[in-house]
Amino acid sequence: MSVDVFGRNLKQVEDHGSRVIIPAIGFKLTSEGDFDIDNRRLCQIAAPLDSADAVNFETLNFHIGGLLDSLALKWEKHDISIDQLVKQQRNSSDSFTKEREALDARINELKEQQQLEPTDSVAKQLEEKLVNTINKKIDLIEKSFDTMLDLFKSELSGLLEARAIAFLHEHVGRQSWT
């Protein structure tokens, strides 16, 4: 609303003789339409006649200053305790980080071992198969050797027997040794 319109509206209210007063927060209107101030006196706050009429700036600052100082001490103690908690959290998070790194390193070691184990188990399986194959071949060779030894013994014993008979025939004479 422009100043001109506002001024015209005030003039129209004065012309009609009706007063429209909107009560302020904390005040009521009397039956005559005046503010009901309940034993309060209106005064100029910048220069009150009596010190009880208004609170001046110095008094307000004096009382508020004490409250602000006590609150500042309280919050300073609170800030110190918060700083201590933050330091503890940082220390615990640092130790947690170190423990996490150690665990990650151990996990990586175990993963590497786990990756090597299949190779080891394959090598063990191959070793077992190789040992079994060699043992079977050794058994076959031993059986073949035993068979050849038996044949050799039988032929050798036959040969020895024939030589012994020949020897005895030559040296002892012709007698039959059957």
N, C-alpha and C. Protein backbone atom coordinates (compact mmCIF):
# COMPACT_ATOMS: atom_id res chain seq x y z
N MET A 1 0.85 -1.17 0.00
CA MET A 1 0.00 0.00 0.00
C MET A 1 0.90 1.23 0.00
N SER A 2 0.62 2.17 -0.84
CA SER A 2 1.46 3.36 -0.92
C SER A 2 1.12 4.30 0.24
N VAL A 3 1.96 5.27 0.48
CA VAL A 3 1.76 6.23 1.57
C VAL A 3 0.48 7.02 1.34
N ASP A 4 0.23 7.37 0.11
CA ASP A 4 -0.96 8.16 -0.19
C ASP A 4 -2.23 7.38 0.15
N VAL A 5 -2.28 6.11 -0.23
CA VAL A 5 -3.46 5.29 0.06
C VAL A 5 -3.59 5.10 1.56
N PHE A 6 -2.47 4.87 2.26
CA PHE A 6 -2.50 4.70 3.71
C PHE A 6 -3.04 5.95 4.39
N GLY A 7 -2.58 7.10 3.92
CA GLY A 7 -3.06 8.36 4.49
C GLY A 7 -4.55 8.56 4.26
N ARG A 8 -5.04 8.23 3.07
CA ARG A 8 -6.47 8.35 2.80
C ARG A 8 -7.29 7.44 3.68
N ASN A 9 -6.76 6.22 3.92
CA ASN A 9 -7.50 5.30 4.79
C ASN A 9 -7.58 5.83 6.21
N LEU A 10 -6.51 6.44 6.71
CA LEU A 10 -6.56 7.02 8.06
C LEU A 10 -7.57 8.16 8.12
N LYS A 11 -7.58 8.95 7.09
CA LYS A 11 -8.51 10.09 7.05
C LYS A 11 -9.95 9.58 7.03
N GLN A 12 -10.21 8.52 6.30
CA GLN A 12 -11.58 7.99 6.24
C GLN A 12 -12.00 7.46 7.61
N VAL A 13 -11.07 6.84 8.36
CA VAL A 13 -11.40 6.33 9.69
C VAL A 13 -11.71 7.50 10.62
N GLU A 14 -10.94 8.58 10.55
CA GLU A 14 -11.20 9.74 11.40
C GLU A 14 -12.53 10.39 11.05
N ASP A 15 -12.84 10.43 9.78
CA ASP A 15 -14.09 11.05 9.35
C ASP A 15 -15.31 10.29 9.89
N HIS A 16 -15.25 8.99 9.93
CA HIS A 16 -16.38 8.19 10.42
C HIS A 16 -16.47 8.21 11.93
N GLY A 17 -15.39 8.55 12.62
CA GLY A 17 -15.43 8.65 14.06
C GLY A 17 -15.23 7.31 14.76
N SER A 18 -15.02 6.25 14.03
CA SER A 18 -14.79 4.95 14.67
C SER A 18 -13.29 4.71 14.75
N ARG A 19 -12.90 4.18 15.88
CA ARG A 19 -11.48 3.86 16.06
C ARG A 19 -11.30 2.35 16.01
N VAL A 20 -10.46 1.89 15.10
CA VAL A 20 -10.16 0.46 15.02
C VAL A 20 -8.76 0.28 15.59
N ILE A 21 -8.68 -0.38 16.75
CA ILE A 21 -7.39 -0.60 17.40
C ILE A 21 -7.17 -2.12 17.48
N ILE A 22 -6.05 -2.55 16.99
CA ILE A 22 -5.69 -3.98 17.07
C ILE A 22 -4.83 -4.12 18.32
N PRO A 23 -5.23 -4.97 19.25
CA PRO A 23 -4.42 -5.11 20.46
C PRO A 23 -3.07 -5.76 20.16
N ALA A 24 -2.04 -5.32 20.86
CA ALA A 24 -0.71 -5.87 20.70
C ALA A 24 -0.61 -7.17 21.51
N ILE A 25 0.42 -7.91 21.24
CA ILE A 25 0.62 -9.19 21.96
C ILE A 25 0.85 -8.87 23.42
N GLY A 26 0.08 -9.53 24.29
CA GLY A 26 0.22 -9.34 25.73
C GLY A 26 -0.68 -8.29 26.31
N PHE A 27 -1.40 -7.54 25.51
CA PHE A 27 -2.33 -6.51 25.99
C PHE A 27 -3.74 -6.85 25.58
N LYS A 28 -4.66 -6.44 26.44
CA LYS A 28 -6.08 -6.59 26.12
C LYS A 28 -6.68 -5.19 25.97
N LEU A 29 -7.85 -5.15 25.40
CA LEU A 29 -8.56 -3.88 25.28
C LEU A 29 -9.61 -3.78 26.39
N THR A 30 -9.79 -2.56 26.87
CA THR A 30 -10.85 -2.32 27.85
C THR A 30 -12.17 -2.17 27.11
N SER A 31 -13.28 -2.02 27.89
CA SER A 31 -14.59 -1.86 27.25
C SER A 31 -14.69 -0.55 26.48
N GLU A 32 -13.86 0.46 26.86
CA GLU A 32 -13.86 1.72 26.13
C GLU A 32 -13.00 1.66 24.87
N GLY A 33 -12.29 0.57 24.65
CA GLY A 33 -11.45 0.44 23.48
C GLY A 33 -10.02 0.86 23.71
N ASP A 34 -9.64 1.14 24.98
CA ASP A 34 -8.27 1.51 25.29
C ASP A 34 -7.49 0.24 25.67
N PHE A 35 -6.17 0.38 25.68
CA PHE A 35 -5.34 -0.74 26.12
C PHE A 35 -5.46 -0.92 27.62
N ASP A 36 -5.63 -2.15 28.08
CA ASP A 36 -5.64 -2.48 29.50
C ASP A 36 -4.22 -2.88 29.85
N ILE A 37 -3.51 -2.01 30.63
CA ILE A 37 -2.09 -2.25 30.88
C ILE A 37 -1.83 -2.84 32.26
N ASP A 38 -2.88 -3.14 33.03
CA ASP A 38 -2.75 -3.84 34.33
C ASP A 38 -1.64 -3.27 35.21
N ASN A 39 -1.83 -2.08 35.71
CA ASN A 39 -0.90 -1.42 36.64
C ASN A 39 0.48 -1.18 36.03
N ARG A 40 0.56 -1.15 34.75
CA ARG A 40 1.82 -0.80 34.12
C ARG A 40 1.73 0.67 33.72
N ARG A 41 2.87 1.34 33.83
CA ARG A 41 2.88 2.74 33.42
C ARG A 41 3.60 2.85 32.10
N LEU A 42 3.10 3.67 31.23
CA LEU A 42 3.79 3.92 29.97
C LEU A 42 4.83 5.00 30.22
N CYS A 43 6.01 4.79 29.68
CA CYS A 43 7.07 5.78 29.82
C CYS A 43 7.97 5.71 28.61
N GLN A 44 8.81 6.68 28.51
CA GLN A 44 9.77 6.67 27.41
C GLN A 44 10.96 5.83 27.86
N ILE A 45 11.21 4.75 27.14
CA ILE A 45 12.22 3.79 27.59
C ILE A 45 13.61 4.42 27.55
N ALA A 46 13.87 5.30 26.63
CA ALA A 46 15.20 5.92 26.53
C ALA A 46 15.51 6.77 27.76
N ALA A 47 14.49 7.41 28.39
CA ALA A 47 14.74 8.26 29.56
C ALA A 47 13.59 8.09 30.54
N PRO A 48 13.55 6.97 31.32
CA PRO A 48 12.45 6.78 32.28
C PRO A 48 12.59 7.75 33.44
N LEU A 49 11.43 8.18 34.00
CA LEU A 49 11.46 9.08 35.16
C LEU A 49 11.88 8.33 36.41
N ASP A 50 11.45 7.11 36.57
CA ASP A 50 11.78 6.29 37.73
C ASP A 50 12.53 5.07 37.22
N SER A 51 13.55 4.59 37.96
CA SER A 51 14.33 3.45 37.48
C SER A 51 13.49 2.17 37.43
N ALA A 52 12.39 2.12 38.19
CA ALA A 52 11.52 0.95 38.17
C ALA A 52 10.58 0.97 36.98
N ASP A 53 10.46 2.12 36.32
CA ASP A 53 9.55 2.22 35.19
C ASP A 53 10.03 1.41 33.99
N ALA A 54 11.32 1.37 33.74
CA ALA A 54 11.83 0.66 32.58
C ALA A 54 13.20 0.08 32.90
N VAL A 55 13.54 -0.96 32.19
CA VAL A 55 14.86 -1.58 32.37
C VAL A 55 15.80 -0.89 31.39
N ASN A 56 16.84 -0.28 31.95
CA ASN A 56 17.75 0.38 31.02
C ASN A 56 18.79 -0.62 30.50
N PHE A 57 19.51 -0.20 29.51
CA PHE A 57 20.44 -1.06 28.79
C PHE A 57 21.56 -1.57 29.69
N GLU A 58 22.07 -0.72 30.59
CA GLU A 58 23.17 -1.13 31.47
C GLU A 58 22.73 -2.24 32.42
N THR A 59 21.55 -2.09 33.00
CA THR A 59 21.04 -3.12 33.92
C THR A 59 20.83 -4.43 33.17
N LEU A 60 20.24 -4.30 32.01
CA LEU A 60 20.01 -5.49 31.19
C LEU A 60 21.33 -6.18 30.86
N ASN A 61 22.32 -5.41 30.46
CA ASN A 61 23.63 -5.99 30.14
C ASN A 61 24.29 -6.60 31.37
N PHE A 62 24.13 -5.97 32.55
CA PHE A 62 24.72 -6.50 33.77
C PHE A 62 24.15 -7.88 34.10
N HIS A 63 22.81 -7.99 34.08
CA HIS A 63 22.17 -9.26 34.43
C HIS A 63 22.41 -10.32 33.34
N ILE A 64 22.32 -9.89 32.11
CA ILE A 64 22.54 -10.85 31.02
C ILE A 64 24.00 -11.26 30.96
N GLY A 65 24.91 -10.35 31.27
CA GLY A 65 26.35 -10.66 31.24
C GLY A 65 26.69 -11.79 32.19
N GLY A 66 26.14 -11.74 33.43
CA GLY A 66 26.39 -12.81 34.40
C GLY A 66 25.87 -14.15 33.89
N LEU A 67 24.65 -14.10 33.32
CA LEU A 67 24.09 -15.33 32.77
C LEU A 67 24.92 -15.86 31.61
N LEU A 68 25.35 -14.95 30.76
CA LEU A 68 26.17 -15.36 29.62
C LEU A 68 27.50 -15.95 30.07
N ASP A 69 28.10 -15.35 31.12
CA ASP A 69 29.37 -15.89 31.63
C ASP A 69 29.19 -17.30 32.20
N SER A 70 28.12 -17.50 32.98
CA SER A 70 27.89 -18.84 33.55
C SER A 70 27.59 -19.85 32.44
N LEU A 71 26.82 -19.42 31.44
CA LEU A 71 26.54 -20.32 30.32
C LEU A 71 27.82 -20.61 29.52
N ALA A 72 28.67 -19.60 29.37
CA ALA A 72 29.91 -19.80 28.63
C ALA A 72 30.80 -20.82 29.34
N LEU A 73 30.89 -20.72 30.70
CA LEU A 73 31.69 -21.71 31.45
C LEU A 73 31.11 -23.11 31.30
N LYS A 74 29.78 -23.19 31.39
CA LYS A 74 29.13 -24.49 31.27
C LYS A 74 29.39 -25.09 29.89
N TRP A 75 29.23 -24.28 28.85
CA TRP A 75 29.43 -24.78 27.50
C TRP A 75 30.90 -25.03 27.20
N GLU A 76 31.80 -24.29 27.85
CA GLU A 76 33.22 -24.55 27.67
C GLU A 76 33.58 -25.92 28.23
N LYS A 77 33.04 -26.25 29.42
CA LYS A 77 33.25 -27.58 29.99
C LYS A 77 32.66 -28.64 29.07
N HIS A 78 31.49 -28.32 28.56
CA HIS A 78 30.83 -29.25 27.64
C HIS A 78 31.67 -29.44 26.37
N ASP A 79 32.24 -28.34 25.85
CA ASP A 79 33.08 -28.42 24.66
C ASP A 79 34.33 -29.25 24.93
N ILE A 80 34.91 -29.08 26.13
CA ILE A 80 36.10 -29.85 26.49
C ILE A 80 35.76 -31.34 26.52
N SER A 81 34.63 -31.68 27.13
CA SER A 81 34.25 -33.10 27.18
C SER A 81 33.96 -33.64 25.77
N ILE A 82 33.39 -32.81 24.92
CA ILE A 82 33.14 -33.23 23.52
C ILE A 82 34.46 -33.42 22.79
N ASP A 83 35.42 -32.51 23.03
CA ASP A 83 36.74 -32.64 22.40
C ASP A 83 37.42 -33.94 22.85
N GLN A 84 37.29 -34.27 24.14
CA GLN A 84 37.86 -35.52 24.64
C GLN A 84 37.20 -36.72 23.98
N LEU A 85 35.89 -36.68 23.85
CA LEU A 85 35.18 -37.77 23.19
C LEU A 85 35.60 -37.91 21.73
N VAL A 86 35.78 -36.77 21.07
CA VAL A 86 36.21 -36.80 19.67
C VAL A 86 37.62 -37.40 19.56
N LYS A 87 38.52 -37.02 20.48
CA LYS A 87 39.87 -37.59 20.47
C LYS A 87 39.82 -39.10 20.70
N GLN A 88 38.99 -39.53 21.66
CA GLN A 88 38.86 -40.96 21.92
C GLN A 88 38.33 -41.69 20.68
N GLN A 89 37.34 -41.09 20.03
CA GLN A 89 36.79 -41.70 18.82
C GLN A 89 37.84 -41.78 17.72
N ARG A 90 38.63 -40.70 17.59
CA ARG A 90 39.69 -40.71 16.56
C ARG A 90 40.70 -41.80 16.86
N ASN A 91 41.10 -41.89 18.15
CA ASN A 91 42.07 -42.93 18.53
C ASN A 91 41.50 -44.32 18.27
N SER A 92 40.24 -44.51 18.66
CA SER A 92 39.65 -45.83 18.45
C SER A 92 39.45 -46.11 16.96
N SER A 93 39.13 -45.07 16.19
CA SER A 93 38.99 -45.29 14.74
C SER A 93 40.34 -45.57 14.11
N ASP A 94 41.41 -44.91 14.61
CA ASP A 94 42.76 -45.20 14.11
C ASP A 94 43.15 -46.63 14.43
N SER A 95 42.88 -47.06 15.68
CA SER A 95 43.22 -48.44 16.03
C SER A 95 42.34 -49.42 15.25
N PHE A 96 41.09 -49.05 15.03
CA PHE A 96 40.21 -49.89 14.22
C PHE A 96 40.74 -50.01 12.80
N THR A 97 41.22 -48.88 12.26
CA THR A 97 41.76 -48.88 10.90
C THR A 97 43.00 -49.78 10.83
N LYS A 98 43.87 -49.67 11.84
CA LYS A 98 45.08 -50.51 11.86
C LYS A 98 44.70 -51.99 11.96
N GLU A 99 43.75 -52.30 12.85
CA GLU A 99 43.31 -53.69 12.99
C GLU A 99 42.67 -54.18 11.69
N ARG A 100 41.91 -53.32 11.05
CA ARG A 100 41.25 -53.68 9.79
C ARG A 100 42.29 -53.97 8.71
N GLU A 101 43.35 -53.12 8.65
CA GLU A 101 44.41 -53.34 7.67
C GLU A 101 45.13 -54.66 7.95
N ALA A 102 45.38 -54.94 9.24
CA ALA A 102 46.04 -56.20 9.60
C ALA A 102 45.16 -57.39 9.21
N LEU A 103 43.87 -57.29 9.48
CA LEU A 103 42.95 -58.36 9.11
C LEU A 103 42.87 -58.52 7.60
N ASP A 104 42.84 -57.42 6.88
CA ASP A 104 42.82 -57.50 5.41
C ASP A 104 44.08 -58.18 4.88
N ALA A 105 45.22 -57.84 5.47
CA ALA A 105 46.48 -58.47 5.06
C ALA A 105 46.43 -59.97 5.33
N ARG A 106 45.93 -60.35 6.51
CA ARG A 106 45.82 -61.77 6.86
C ARG A 106 44.84 -62.49 5.93
N ILE A 107 43.74 -61.82 5.59
CA ILE A 107 42.76 -62.41 4.67
C ILE A 107 43.41 -62.63 3.30
N ASN A 108 44.19 -61.66 2.85
CA ASN A 108 44.88 -61.81 1.56
C ASN A 108 45.88 -62.97 1.59
N GLU A 109 46.60 -63.10 2.72
CA GLU A 109 47.52 -64.23 2.87
C GLU A 109 46.78 -65.55 2.79
N LEU A 110 45.66 -65.63 3.52
CA LEU A 110 44.87 -66.86 3.51
C LEU A 110 44.30 -67.16 2.13
N LYS A 111 43.87 -66.11 1.41
CA LYS A 111 43.38 -66.32 0.05
C LYS A 111 44.48 -66.85 -0.85
N GLU A 112 45.70 -66.31 -0.71
CA GLU A 112 46.82 -66.79 -1.51
C GLU A 112 47.12 -68.25 -1.18
N GLN A 113 47.10 -68.59 0.11
CA GLN A 113 47.32 -69.98 0.51
C GLN A 113 46.22 -70.88 -0.04
N GLN A 114 45.01 -70.39 0.00
CA GLN A 114 43.89 -71.17 -0.50
C GLN A 114 44.03 -71.39 -2.01
N GLN A 115 44.53 -70.37 -2.72
CA GLN A 115 44.75 -70.54 -4.15
C GLN A 115 45.89 -71.50 -4.43
N LEU A 116 46.88 -71.56 -3.53
CA LEU A 116 47.99 -72.48 -3.71
C LEU A 116 47.59 -73.91 -3.34
N GLU A 117 46.68 -74.06 -2.40
CA GLU A 117 46.29 -75.40 -1.95
C GLU A 117 45.74 -76.27 -3.06
N PRO A 118 44.89 -75.77 -3.96
CA PRO A 118 44.45 -76.64 -5.05
C PRO A 118 45.62 -77.14 -5.88
N THR A 119 46.61 -76.29 -6.10
CA THR A 119 47.79 -76.72 -6.83
C THR A 119 48.52 -77.79 -6.04
N ASP A 120 48.64 -77.58 -4.73
CA ASP A 120 49.27 -78.58 -3.88
C ASP A 120 48.47 -79.87 -3.87
N SER A 121 47.15 -79.76 -3.80
CA SER A 121 46.34 -80.97 -3.76
C SER A 121 46.42 -81.70 -5.09
N VAL A 122 46.48 -80.97 -6.22
CA VAL A 122 46.65 -81.61 -7.52
C VAL A 122 48.01 -82.29 -7.57
N ALA A 123 49.03 -81.61 -7.06
CA ALA A 123 50.37 -82.20 -7.04
C ALA A 123 50.38 -83.46 -6.18
N LYS A 124 49.67 -83.41 -5.04
CA LYS A 124 49.61 -84.59 -4.17
C LYS A 124 48.89 -85.74 -4.86
N GLN A 125 47.81 -85.41 -5.57
CA GLN A 125 47.08 -86.45 -6.29
C GLN A 125 47.96 -87.05 -7.38
N LEU A 126 48.67 -86.19 -8.12
CA LEU A 126 49.57 -86.69 -9.15
C LEU A 126 50.69 -87.53 -8.55
N GLU A 127 51.19 -87.09 -7.42
CA GLU A 127 52.25 -87.84 -6.74
C GLU A 127 51.74 -89.21 -6.32
N GLU A 128 50.51 -89.27 -5.76
CA GLU A 128 49.94 -90.55 -5.36
C GLU A 128 49.75 -91.46 -6.56
N LYS A 129 49.25 -90.91 -7.68
CA LYS A 129 49.07 -91.72 -8.88
C LYS A 129 50.41 -92.23 -9.39
N LEU A 130 51.40 -91.37 -9.39
CA LEU A 130 52.73 -91.75 -9.85
C LEU A 130 53.32 -92.84 -8.96
N VAL A 131 53.20 -92.66 -7.64
CA VAL A 131 53.71 -93.67 -6.70
C VAL A 131 52.99 -95.00 -6.92
N ASN A 132 51.65 -94.95 -7.10
CA ASN A 132 50.90 -96.19 -7.33
C ASN A 132 51.34 -96.86 -8.63
N THR A 133 51.52 -96.05 -9.68
CA THR A 133 51.96 -96.61 -10.98
C THR A 133 53.34 -97.23 -10.85
N ILE A 134 54.24 -96.53 -10.17
CA ILE A 134 55.61 -97.06 -10.00
C ILE A 134 55.57 -98.34 -9.17
N ASN A 135 54.76 -98.34 -8.11
CA ASN A 135 54.66 -99.55 -7.28
C ASN A 135 54.11 -100.72 -8.09
N LYS A 136 53.13 -100.46 -8.94
CA LYS A 136 52.59 -101.53 -9.80
C LYS A 136 53.66 -102.05 -10.75
N LYS A 137 54.43 -101.14 -11.35
CA LYS A 137 55.50 -101.54 -12.26
C LYS A 137 56.56 -102.34 -11.52
N ILE A 138 56.88 -101.89 -10.31
CA ILE A 138 57.88 -102.62 -9.50
C ILE A 138 57.36 -104.01 -9.20
N ASP A 139 56.06 -104.12 -8.83
CA ASP A 139 55.47 -105.44 -8.57
C ASP A 139 55.55 -106.32 -9.82
N LEU A 140 55.23 -105.76 -10.99
CA LEU A 140 55.32 -106.52 -12.23
C LEU A 140 56.75 -106.98 -12.51
N ILE A 141 57.70 -106.04 -12.28
CA ILE A 141 59.10 -106.39 -12.49
C ILE A 141 59.53 -107.49 -11.52
N GLU A 142 59.10 -107.35 -10.25
CA GLU A 142 59.46 -108.37 -9.25
C GLU A 142 58.86 -109.73 -9.63
N LYS A 143 57.59 -109.71 -10.09
CA LYS A 143 56.97 -110.97 -10.52
C LYS A 143 57.70 -111.56 -11.72
N SER A 144 58.04 -110.69 -12.67
CA SER A 144 58.80 -111.16 -13.84
C SER A 144 60.16 -111.69 -13.41
N PHE A 145 60.79 -110.97 -12.49
CA PHE A 145 62.10 -111.40 -12.00
C PHE A 145 61.98 -112.73 -11.27
N ASP A 146 60.94 -112.84 -10.41
CA ASP A 146 60.72 -114.11 -9.71
C ASP A 146 60.48 -115.25 -10.69
N THR A 147 59.67 -114.95 -11.71
CA THR A 147 59.39 -115.97 -12.73
C THR A 147 60.68 -116.35 -13.45
N MET A 148 61.46 -115.36 -13.84
CA MET A 148 62.73 -115.65 -14.52
C MET A 148 63.69 -116.35 -13.59
N LEU A 149 63.69 -115.96 -12.31
CA LEU A 149 64.57 -116.61 -11.35
C LEU A 149 64.18 -118.08 -11.18
N ASP A 150 62.86 -118.32 -11.11
CA ASP A 150 62.40 -119.71 -10.99
C ASP A 150 62.82 -120.51 -12.23
N LEU A 151 62.62 -119.92 -13.40
CA LEU A 151 63.05 -120.61 -14.64
C LEU A 151 64.56 -120.81 -14.64
N PHE A 152 65.25 -119.77 -14.25
CA PHE A 152 66.70 -119.86 -14.23
C PHE A 152 67.17 -120.92 -13.23
N LYS A 153 66.51 -120.93 -12.06
CA LYS A 153 66.86 -121.93 -11.05
C LYS A 153 66.61 -123.35 -11.58
N SER A 154 65.42 -123.48 -12.19
CA SER A 154 65.12 -124.82 -12.70
C SER A 154 66.11 -125.23 -13.80
N GLU A 155 66.45 -124.30 -14.69
CA GLU A 155 67.41 -124.62 -15.73
C GLU A 155 68.80 -124.79 -15.15
N LEU A 156 69.13 -123.92 -14.19
CA LEU A 156 70.43 -124.02 -13.56
C LEU A 156 70.56 -125.32 -12.77
N SER A 157 69.49 -125.62 -12.06
CA SER A 157 69.57 -126.88 -11.31
C SER A 157 69.67 -128.07 -12.27
N GLY A 158 68.92 -127.98 -13.39
CA GLY A 158 69.04 -129.05 -14.39
C GLY A 158 70.43 -129.07 -14.98
N LEU A 159 70.98 -127.94 -15.27
CA LEU A 159 72.32 -127.84 -15.82
C LEU A 159 73.35 -128.31 -14.82
N LEU A 160 73.17 -127.88 -13.59
CA LEU A 160 74.10 -128.29 -12.54
C LEU A 160 74.01 -129.81 -12.33
N GLU A 161 72.84 -130.25 -12.35
CA GLU A 161 72.66 -131.69 -12.17
C GLU A 161 73.32 -132.45 -13.32
N ALA A 162 73.13 -131.92 -14.53
CA ALA A 162 73.76 -132.57 -15.69
C ALA A 162 75.27 -132.48 -15.59
N ARG A 163 75.82 -131.40 -15.16
CA ARG A 163 77.27 -131.24 -15.03
C ARG A 163 77.81 -132.11 -13.89
N ALA A 164 77.01 -132.10 -12.81
CA ALA A 164 77.45 -132.93 -11.70
C ALA A 164 77.50 -134.40 -12.12
N ILE A 165 76.52 -134.82 -12.90
CA ILE A 165 76.50 -136.20 -13.37
C ILE A 165 77.69 -136.41 -14.33
N ALA A 166 77.92 -135.40 -15.17
CA ALA A 166 79.04 -135.53 -16.11
C ALA A 166 80.35 -135.57 -15.34
N PHE A 167 80.46 -134.77 -14.35
CA PHE A 167 81.68 -134.73 -13.55
C PHE A 167 81.88 -136.05 -12.84
N LEU A 168 80.81 -136.53 -12.28
CA LEU A 168 80.92 -137.80 -11.58
C LEU A 168 81.23 -138.94 -12.57
N HIS A 169 80.70 -138.87 -13.72
CA HIS A 169 80.99 -139.90 -14.73
C HIS A 169 82.46 -139.85 -15.11
N GLU A 170 82.95 -138.74 -15.22
CA GLU A 170 84.35 -138.64 -15.63
C GLU A 170 85.27 -139.08 -14.51
N HIS A 171 84.97 -138.68 -13.34
CA HIS A 171 85.91 -138.93 -12.26
C HIS A 171 85.63 -140.23 -11.53
N VAL A 172 84.46 -140.60 -11.43
CA VAL A 172 84.15 -141.77 -10.64
C VAL A 172 83.94 -143.00 -11.55
N GLY A 173 83.51 -142.80 -12.65
CA GLY A 173 83.28 -143.93 -13.53
C GLY A 173 81.86 -143.90 -14.05
N ARG A 174 81.55 -145.01 -14.68
CA ARG A 174 80.26 -145.03 -15.32
C ARG A 174 79.27 -145.73 -14.44
N GLN A 175 78.72 -145.07 -13.65
CA GLN A 175 77.62 -145.60 -12.85
C GLN A 175 76.41 -144.73 -13.12
N SER A 176 75.29 -145.26 -12.94
CA SER A 176 74.10 -144.47 -13.24
C SER A 176 73.64 -143.76 -11.99
N TRP A 177 73.34 -142.59 -12.21
CA TRP A 177 72.90 -141.72 -11.08
C TRP A 177 71.49 -141.23 -11.35
N THR A 178 70.65 -142.02 -11.50
CA THR A 178 69.30 -141.60 -11.78
C THR A 178 68.40 -141.79 -10.62
